[in-house]
Amino acid sequence: MRGILNSLLLSMIAVSALVAESFPVQGRVLQVLPELRAVKVELSESSREVLTVGQVMIFRVGPGDLEIGYAGRLIRADAVSYSKVWHLEQLFPVDGIGAKAMVDVNKHLHNATASLSRRKYVREGDYIPNFGMIDQHGEFLQIRELRGQAFVLNFIFTRCQVAKMCPASTARMSELQIAAREAGLENLDLVTITFDPEYDSPGILRQYAQAYGLEHDNFHLLTGTQELVDDLLRQFGILTMEEDGTINHTMATLLVDANGRVAFRKEGTKWSVKEFLKEAAQL
């Protein structure tokens, strides 16, 4: 796992060190080309004249984006040319099952959050609000779709390099996934939301899951718009501050029961797998 993580971090550093300018584009994926580690896209929007609407282009994409594929789907991304080879980065789906419903649900959440007192946030005994995000498969998911089973929820960002923060939290979530199965808690899901949606695309989250050995069947890594994430941070009482090129933040891990109510909430970084297993077994 450490080797994969190191490779992932090195690739992030290498890409960020390049000075090529990226710009937003949108288009439909016509074909996935695994042998080229690329996708063929017909462009429907471009913010630079170097790429034009209607043009069909082959773009290199990251491993996570290649696995998702997005064949036939409308996507948005940042286009950038490295050594005359075009790449797509921060790739997100635009259409798909649940896309419009997600926009409507999140608009309602935003309006509710705007009137929320600074002192009020989701605590033990409260029901969590519904919201829609995009998972590591490039699929749209409303959190209410998990009703009927309990789940553990936390917040991280993939570029976090503070060992005791996000990396430690994700490692424990991985341990919890394994321990829950060994304990017979088959209906316990795990949900991780990114602080950093502008970077943490579905493809990046998919690579992150692989680095930590997370099984996809009951682990949902979620991303969306910055506005949505800001609303969720308010709703869940998480504080963040961008400083020195990173995100400083508080942490909280929550156990949500099958009805969407917070059964247990643990503040800070020092939570244990055993305590969440114990609490989950009592639901």
Foldseek 3Di string as FASTA:
>chain_A
DVVLLVVLLVVVVVVVPDDWDWFKWKFAFAAQDVVVQWTWTQTCDTPDPVDDHRDIDIAHEDPLCSVLPRHGFMKMFIWTADPNGIHTALIATQDDPCNVVQVVQLVVLLVVLVPDDLPDAADAFAFAGWHWWAWLSRDIDIPLVLAPFKEKEKEEASNDPPCLPRVLVVLQVQVLVVVCVVVVRPRYAYEYEYQCQSHDHSSNVNSVCVVNVHDDPRYTYTHHDNSSSVSNCSRHVKDWDDDPNDIDIWIKMFMAGNRRGTNDMDTGRDDHSVVVSVSSVVD
